[in-house]
Amino acid sequence: MELHPPLQDPTVDLCGGERDVIEPQGPIPLADSEAVEVLWQMRAQRRQASPDLPDTVTRLTTPEGSVVYLVGTAHFSDSSKKDVVTTIRAVQPDVVVVELCQYRVSMLKMDEKMLMKEAKDINLEKVQQAIRQNGVMSGLMQILLLKVSAHITEQLGMAPGGEFREAFREAGKVPFCKFHLGDRPIPVTFKRAIAALSLWQKARLAWGLCFLSDPISKEDVEKCKQKDLLEQTMSEMIGEFPALHRTIVAERDIYLTHTLRQAARCVEAPPNAQKVPAVVVGVVGMGHVPGIEQNWDQELDIHEIISVAPPSRFGWVLRTVLKGAVLTALGYACYRAGGGVGRVLLSLPAVQSLLENLRPAPA
């Protein structure tokens, strides 16, 4: 099984680098060629022409005849994991696309215990890393959303993304199946989301996330797979933060639609590399299914939704104020502790790292 980044331009990765391209290595030896054909035929025999799939699966088609089975999931759900396994085993896909990007790919290979520990353990190092990667406001927003994830993890006793890990494992059992990361890079999403909110909206959102404490049951999570309840929840969020919905949901609907359509391009069948329609399984949160269906037959331009505006003057002022506040607090602590203790404090690796991060960038 091959692990691929999001499918975009045939040669350029939208995150700044060239995509990995596997070049032909010359003619396949006869024995290997025969083995490939046998495996291809074996998969074709396993593939069900009219599979009986869960209600959470939506079937989409392309003009070339390719079929995409879109599995709508709840990210904290045992039932969703079963839906993914059932679908992949029934249709034996050429490609599996999941709602992840390269910044979240680590969750595919971490076990449940490690993921639960990571979700609950939000420390200074994680905060610094988030700010370095995404900037002050976007980094803090990422930490707040991690807190939400940790809250759900603690309430339900399960780690998020189980359906993606199941998809990864099942794809590895299907001959010739490729595994694609189909979501927009999360730093782009955070930066665009923060830029779309006013200062008052940012404060309200941060306050709500900081004081999230409502109990959540497994029944609540499973209800998220019902489209009527989901649409009601989305309507409430649109009314309160329409800009947030646009950047976190609607724009990613477009991006996911694009990557799914790219994955659904015809594939080459042995022995003569004839182009045949592809079978694709997409694994996405149920909240993205209506948007993907709506965008499926539309002309899409994803270049605008992957761009990030330069930092605003307000962002520069805010970073400067935060740096000044931290340095002032550190200086006062050194003064109160005394010269000797202050020098010891300043020599600590954690403090030196913090000072390094706060140092102004060269002009």
Protein backbone atom coordinates (compact mmCIF):
# COMPACT_ATOMS: atom_id res chain seq x y z
CA MET A 1 0.00 0.00 0.00
CA GLU A 2 1.26 3.48 -0.88
CA LEU A 3 0.74 6.52 1.38
CA HIS A 4 0.20 9.71 -0.60
CA PRO A 5 -0.18 13.38 0.33
CA PRO A 6 -3.26 15.29 -0.86
CA LEU A 7 -3.78 15.02 -4.61
CA GLN A 8 -3.53 18.39 -6.30
CA ASP A 9 -1.55 19.52 -9.29
CA PRO A 10 0.16 16.55 -11.03
CA THR A 11 3.62 17.81 -10.11
CA VAL A 12 3.38 20.38 -7.33
CA ASP A 13 2.31 19.89 -3.73
CA LEU A 14 0.17 22.79 -2.55
CA CYS A 15 2.13 22.94 0.70
CA GLY A 16 5.29 24.01 -1.05
CA GLY A 17 7.12 20.94 -2.31
CA GLU A 18 7.05 18.53 -5.21
CA ARG A 19 4.90 15.46 -4.88
CA ASP A 20 6.50 12.06 -4.74
CA VAL A 21 6.22 10.54 -8.20
CA ILE A 22 6.93 6.86 -8.80
CA GLU A 23 8.67 6.51 -12.13
CA PRO A 24 8.46 3.29 -14.18
CA GLN A 25 11.45 1.02 -13.62
CA GLY A 26 11.38 -0.72 -17.01
CA PRO A 27 9.40 -3.78 -18.10
CA ILE A 28 8.12 -6.11 -15.38
CA PRO A 29 9.59 -9.63 -15.54
CA LEU A 30 7.14 -12.22 -16.81
CA ALA A 31 6.72 -13.95 -13.44
CA ASP A 32 6.00 -10.65 -11.70
CA SER A 33 3.62 -9.62 -14.48
CA GLU A 34 1.65 -12.82 -14.08
CA ALA A 35 1.51 -12.38 -10.31
CA VAL A 36 0.18 -8.84 -10.75
CA GLU A 37 -2.55 -10.07 -13.09
CA VAL A 38 -3.53 -12.86 -10.68
CA LEU A 39 -3.80 -10.40 -7.77
CA TRP A 40 -5.81 -8.00 -9.94
CA GLN A 41 -8.26 -10.75 -10.88
CA MET A 42 -8.49 -11.91 -7.27
CA ARG A 43 -9.43 -8.41 -6.13
CA ALA A 44 -12.00 -8.15 -8.95
CA GLN A 45 -13.63 -11.35 -7.74
CA ARG A 46 -13.82 -10.06 -4.19
CA ARG A 47 -15.32 -6.74 -5.27
CA GLN A 48 -19.10 -6.74 -4.90
CA ALA A 49 -20.97 -5.24 -7.85
CA SER A 50 -24.00 -4.16 -5.79
CA PRO A 51 -22.77 -4.06 -2.20
CA ASP A 52 -25.15 -3.77 0.73
CA LEU A 53 -23.55 -0.86 2.55
CA PRO A 54 -24.41 1.06 5.75
CA ASP A 55 -26.82 4.01 5.60
CA THR A 56 -23.89 6.36 6.27
CA VAL A 57 -22.42 5.64 2.81
CA THR A 58 -23.17 7.96 -0.13
CA ARG A 59 -22.45 6.82 -3.70
CA LEU A 60 -21.00 9.36 -6.16
CA THR A 61 -19.98 8.81 -9.79
CA THR A 62 -17.78 10.55 -12.38
CA PRO A 63 -18.39 10.99 -16.14
CA GLU A 64 -15.71 8.33 -16.80
CA GLY A 65 -17.64 5.76 -14.78
CA SER A 66 -15.54 5.82 -11.59
CA VAL A 67 -17.42 5.32 -8.32
CA VAL A 68 -16.76 7.01 -4.97
CA TYR A 69 -18.26 5.49 -1.83
CA LEU A 70 -18.30 8.33 0.70
CA VAL A 71 -18.47 7.09 4.31
CA GLY A 72 -19.79 9.79 6.66
CA THR A 73 -18.46 9.26 10.17
CA ALA A 74 -18.52 10.56 13.72
CA HIS A 75 -14.88 10.97 14.79
CA PHE A 76 -15.50 9.39 18.22
CA SER A 77 -17.54 6.36 17.23
CA ASP A 78 -17.19 2.58 17.27
CA SER A 79 -20.05 2.31 14.80
CA SER A 80 -18.20 4.50 12.30
CA LYS A 81 -15.18 2.23 12.46
CA LYS A 82 -17.37 -0.74 11.59
CA ASP A 83 -18.92 1.18 8.68
CA VAL A 84 -15.47 1.89 7.23
CA VAL A 85 -14.34 -1.74 7.53
CA THR A 86 -17.56 -3.03 5.95
CA THR A 87 -17.31 -0.64 3.00
CA ILE A 88 -13.65 -1.26 2.17
CA ARG A 89 -14.01 -5.02 2.38
CA ALA A 90 -17.11 -4.97 0.16
CA VAL A 91 -15.87 -2.72 -2.67
CA GLN A 92 -12.11 -3.53 -2.65
CA PRO A 93 -11.12 0.02 -3.69
CA ASP A 94 -8.28 1.27 -5.86
CA VAL A 95 -7.87 4.30 -3.58
CA VAL A 96 -8.87 5.18 -0.01
CA VAL A 97 -9.04 8.92 0.80
CA VAL A 98 -9.29 10.12 4.41
CA GLU A 99 -10.01 13.50 5.98
CA LEU A 100 -6.45 14.00 7.21
CA CYS A 101 -3.47 16.07 6.12
CA GLN A 102 0.26 15.47 6.54
CA TYR A 103 0.24 17.42 9.83
CA ARG A 104 -2.14 14.87 11.40
CA VAL A 105 -0.86 11.68 9.78
CA SER A 106 0.78 10.52 13.03
CA MET A 107 -2.60 9.45 14.40
CA LEU A 108 -2.67 6.62 11.85
CA LYS A 109 0.16 4.73 13.54
CA MET A 110 -0.37 5.63 17.19
CA ASP A 111 -2.39 3.30 19.38
CA GLU A 112 -5.47 4.37 21.34
CA LYS A 113 -3.62 4.66 24.67
CA MET A 114 -0.92 6.91 23.25
CA LEU A 115 -3.47 9.13 21.48
CA MET A 116 -5.54 9.51 24.64
CA LYS A 117 -2.41 10.47 26.57
CA GLU A 118 -1.42 13.01 23.90
CA ALA A 119 -4.91 14.52 23.81
CA LYS A 120 -5.00 15.04 27.58
CA ASP A 121 -1.39 16.22 27.97
CA ILE A 122 -1.38 19.87 26.82
CA ASN A 123 1.86 21.39 28.12
CA LEU A 124 4.06 24.45 27.49
CA GLU A 125 6.05 22.65 24.81
CA LYS A 126 2.89 21.95 22.80
CA VAL A 127 1.78 25.56 23.14
CA GLN A 128 5.18 26.82 21.92
CA GLN A 129 5.18 24.39 18.99
CA ALA A 130 1.67 25.42 17.95
CA ILE A 131 2.62 29.12 18.07
CA ARG A 132 5.84 28.51 16.08
CA GLN A 133 3.95 26.64 13.37
CA ASN A 134 0.80 28.76 13.13
CA GLY A 135 1.49 32.15 14.72
CA VAL A 136 0.16 33.48 18.02
CA MET A 137 -3.59 33.62 17.40
CA SER A 138 -3.84 30.51 15.21
CA GLY A 139 -1.55 28.59 17.57
CA LEU A 140 -3.61 29.47 20.62
CA MET A 141 -6.78 28.53 18.74
CA GLN A 142 -5.24 25.15 17.90
CA ILE A 143 -4.50 24.58 21.59
CA LEU A 144 -8.07 25.50 22.52
CA LEU A 145 -9.42 23.03 19.96
CA LEU A 146 -7.07 20.39 21.35
CA LYS A 147 -8.65 21.11 24.73
CA VAL A 148 -12.06 20.39 23.21
CA SER A 149 -10.74 17.12 21.81
CA ALA A 150 -9.25 16.24 25.20
CA HIS A 151 -12.59 16.99 26.86
CA ILE A 152 -14.42 14.58 24.52
CA THR A 153 -11.64 12.00 24.91
CA GLU A 154 -11.97 12.12 28.68
CA GLN A 155 -15.77 12.00 28.61
CA LEU A 156 -15.98 9.03 26.24
CA GLY A 157 -12.79 7.16 27.12
CA MET A 158 -11.78 6.82 23.45
CA ALA A 159 -9.35 8.65 21.16
CA PRO A 160 -10.46 10.46 17.99
CA GLY A 161 -9.82 9.22 14.46
CA GLY A 162 -10.47 5.51 15.00
CA GLU A 163 -12.22 5.33 11.61
CA PHE A 164 -9.08 6.66 9.88
CA ARG A 165 -6.88 4.06 11.55
CA GLU A 166 -9.30 1.33 10.49
CA ALA A 167 -9.26 2.68 6.93
CA PHE A 168 -5.45 2.62 6.93
CA ARG A 169 -5.35 -0.98 8.16
CA GLU A 170 -8.02 -2.22 5.75
CA ALA A 171 -6.48 -0.45 2.75
CA GLY A 172 -3.25 -2.34 3.46
CA LYS A 173 -5.11 -5.63 2.97
CA VAL A 174 -6.44 -4.73 -0.51
CA PRO A 175 -4.06 -5.45 -3.44
CA PHE A 176 -2.87 -2.29 -5.29
CA CYS A 177 -4.87 0.00 -3.00
CA LYS A 178 -3.40 3.49 -2.53
CA PHE A 179 -4.00 5.59 0.57
CA HIS A 180 -4.40 9.35 0.12
CA LEU A 181 -4.48 12.20 2.65
CA GLY A 182 -7.30 14.33 1.33
CA ASP A 183 -7.68 17.29 3.70
CA ARG A 184 -6.35 20.82 3.47
CA PRO A 185 -3.22 21.40 5.62
CA ILE A 186 -4.41 22.31 9.10
CA PRO A 187 -2.13 25.40 9.48
CA VAL A 188 -3.84 26.91 6.42
CA THR A 189 -7.27 26.19 7.89
CA PHE A 190 -6.41 27.74 11.27
CA LYS A 191 -4.85 30.85 9.76
CA ARG A 192 -7.76 31.44 7.40
CA ALA A 193 -10.27 30.83 10.22
CA ILE A 194 -8.61 33.33 12.56
CA ALA A 195 -8.27 35.92 9.81
CA ALA A 196 -12.00 35.63 9.06
CA LEU A 197 -13.09 36.45 12.65
CA SER A 198 -13.40 39.85 14.24
CA LEU A 199 -11.63 40.55 17.54
CA TRP A 200 -14.92 40.22 19.43
CA GLN A 201 -15.72 36.89 17.71
CA LYS A 202 -12.25 35.56 18.55
CA ALA A 203 -12.77 36.47 22.21
CA ARG A 204 -16.24 34.86 22.33
CA LEU A 205 -15.02 31.69 20.64
CA ALA A 206 -11.98 31.38 22.92
CA TRP A 207 -14.16 31.93 25.99
CA GLY A 208 -16.58 29.21 24.91
CA LEU A 209 -13.79 26.74 24.22
CA CYS A 210 -11.98 27.51 27.47
CA PHE A 211 -15.02 26.80 29.61
CA LEU A 212 -16.34 23.78 27.75
CA SER A 213 -17.59 21.36 30.40
CA ASP A 214 -20.89 19.90 29.20
CA PRO A 215 -21.03 16.11 29.60
CA ILE A 216 -21.05 14.11 26.34
CA SER A 217 -22.33 10.57 26.04
CA LYS A 218 -21.61 7.95 23.39
CA GLU A 219 -25.27 8.24 22.40
CA ASP A 220 -24.71 11.94 21.66
CA VAL A 221 -21.82 11.09 19.36
CA GLU A 222 -23.78 8.43 17.50
CA LYS A 223 -26.62 10.94 16.96
CA CYS A 224 -24.14 13.04 14.98
CA LYS A 225 -24.49 10.45 12.22
CA GLN A 226 -28.13 11.49 11.72
CA LYS A 227 -28.27 14.18 9.06
CA ASP A 228 -31.26 15.98 10.59
CA LEU A 229 -29.53 16.55 13.95
CA LEU A 230 -26.28 17.46 12.22
CA GLU A 231 -27.93 20.06 10.00
CA GLN A 232 -29.62 21.58 13.05
CA THR A 233 -26.25 21.81 14.85
CA MET A 234 -24.58 23.34 11.79
CA SER A 235 -27.37 25.91 11.47
CA GLU A 236 -26.80 27.01 15.06
CA MET A 237 -23.07 27.41 14.43
CA ILE A 238 -23.64 29.32 11.18
CA GLY A 239 -25.84 31.77 13.03
CA GLU A 240 -23.16 32.49 15.61
CA PHE A 241 -19.91 32.26 13.59
CA PRO A 242 -20.72 32.28 9.85
CA ALA A 243 -17.11 33.12 8.91
CA LEU A 244 -15.84 30.19 10.97
CA HIS A 245 -18.23 27.82 9.25
CA ARG A 246 -17.05 29.04 5.85
CA THR A 247 -13.35 28.46 6.54
CA ILE A 248 -13.51 25.30 8.67
CA VAL A 249 -16.37 23.50 6.93
CA ALA A 250 -17.39 24.96 3.54
CA GLU A 251 -13.86 25.56 2.20
CA ARG A 252 -12.74 22.11 3.30
CA ASP A 253 -15.83 20.65 1.60
CA ILE A 254 -14.46 22.11 -1.64
CA TYR A 255 -10.93 20.85 -0.96
CA LEU A 256 -12.13 17.33 -0.08
CA THR A 257 -14.32 17.25 -3.19
CA HIS A 258 -11.28 18.16 -5.29
CA THR A 259 -9.07 15.46 -3.80
CA LEU A 260 -11.80 12.82 -4.11
CA ARG A 261 -12.32 13.67 -7.78
CA GLN A 262 -8.57 13.53 -8.37
CA ALA A 263 -8.44 10.11 -6.70
CA ALA A 264 -11.31 8.91 -8.91
CA ARG A 265 -9.32 9.28 -12.15
CA CYS A 266 -9.13 6.11 -14.23
CA VAL A 267 -6.52 3.52 -13.25
CA GLU A 268 -4.36 1.22 -15.39
CA ALA A 269 -5.37 -2.44 -15.43
CA PRO A 270 -2.95 -5.27 -16.20
CA PRO A 271 -1.75 -6.84 -18.42
CA ASN A 272 -1.84 -4.04 -21.03
CA ALA A 273 -2.27 -0.95 -18.80
CA GLN A 274 -5.75 -0.28 -20.18
CA LYS A 275 -7.50 2.67 -18.50
CA VAL A 276 -10.52 1.54 -16.45
CA PRO A 277 -12.85 3.41 -14.05
CA ALA A 278 -11.61 3.59 -10.46
CA VAL A 279 -13.33 2.59 -7.24
CA VAL A 280 -12.66 4.97 -4.35
CA VAL A 281 -13.65 4.96 -0.68
CA GLY A 282 -13.69 8.36 1.02
CA VAL A 283 -13.76 8.57 4.82
CA VAL A 284 -14.88 11.99 6.07
CA GLY A 285 -16.80 13.49 8.97
CA MET A 286 -20.56 13.41 8.40
CA GLY A 287 -20.60 17.21 8.48
CA HIS A 288 -18.72 17.31 5.17
CA VAL A 289 -20.98 14.90 3.25
CA PRO A 290 -23.71 17.42 2.22
CA GLY A 291 -21.10 19.93 1.02
CA ILE A 292 -19.20 17.30 -1.00
CA GLU A 293 -22.46 16.15 -2.61
CA GLN A 294 -23.33 19.76 -3.47
CA ASN A 295 -19.90 20.49 -4.96
CA TRP A 296 -19.47 17.18 -6.77
CA ASP A 297 -20.58 18.34 -10.24
CA GLN A 298 -19.38 21.94 -9.87
CA GLU A 299 -16.33 23.64 -11.37
CA LEU A 300 -13.87 24.08 -8.50
CA ASP A 301 -10.93 26.46 -8.06
CA ILE A 302 -8.99 25.56 -4.90
CA HIS A 303 -6.16 28.07 -5.30
CA GLU A 304 -8.02 30.81 -3.41
CA ILE A 305 -8.85 28.56 -0.42
CA ILE A 306 -5.23 27.47 0.08
CA SER A 307 -3.84 30.99 0.21
CA VAL A 308 -3.05 32.71 3.50
CA ALA A 309 -3.08 36.49 3.85
CA PRO A 310 0.04 38.12 5.35
CA PRO A 311 -0.18 39.00 9.07
CA SER A 312 -2.26 42.08 9.79
CA ARG A 313 -0.96 45.14 11.64
CA PHE A 314 -3.22 44.14 14.54
CA GLY A 315 -1.52 40.73 14.66
CA TRP A 316 1.89 42.41 14.75
CA VAL A 317 0.76 44.74 17.58
CA LEU A 318 -0.70 41.81 19.53
CA ARG A 319 2.50 39.76 19.22
CA THR A 320 4.56 42.75 20.33
CA VAL A 321 2.33 43.31 23.38
CA LEU A 322 2.50 39.62 24.32
CA LYS A 323 6.29 39.59 23.97
CA GLY A 324 6.57 42.68 26.12
CA ALA A 325 4.28 41.21 28.79
CA VAL A 326 6.26 37.97 28.98
CA LEU A 327 9.62 39.77 29.14
CA THR A 328 8.31 42.15 31.81
CA ALA A 329 7.00 39.26 33.90
CA LEU A 330 10.29 37.39 33.52
CA GLY A 331 12.33 40.45 34.48
CA TYR A 332 10.19 41.07 37.54
CA ALA A 333 10.56 37.42 38.59
CA CYS A 334 14.35 37.72 38.30
CA TYR A 335 14.31 40.96 40.33
CA ARG A 336 12.21 39.40 43.09
CA ALA A 337 14.33 36.25 43.15
CA GLY A 338 17.61 38.13 43.48
CA GLY A 339 20.63 38.33 41.19
CA GLY A 340 22.02 34.83 41.79
CA VAL A 341 18.69 33.07 41.55
CA GLY A 342 17.76 35.23 38.56
CA ARG A 343 20.86 34.10 36.66
CA VAL A 344 20.03 30.49 37.44
CA LEU A 345 16.49 31.04 36.22
CA LEU A 346 17.71 32.62 32.98
CA SER A 347 20.08 29.70 32.42
CA LEU A 348 17.28 27.13 32.43
CA PRO A 349 16.78 25.52 28.97
CA ALA A 350 13.02 26.17 29.02
CA VAL A 351 13.54 29.89 29.73
CA GLN A 352 16.26 30.21 27.09
CA SER A 353 13.98 28.52 24.56
CA LEU A 354 11.18 30.92 25.43
CA LEU A 355 13.49 33.94 25.06
CA GLU A 356 14.69 32.61 21.71
CA ASN A 357 11.08 32.37 20.50
CA LEU A 358 10.36 35.90 21.70
CA ARG A 359 13.43 37.42 19.98
CA PRO A 360 12.33 39.79 17.20
CA ALA A 361 12.84 38.52 13.68
CA PRO A 362 15.65 40.25 11.72
CA ALA A 363 14.50 43.05 9.48
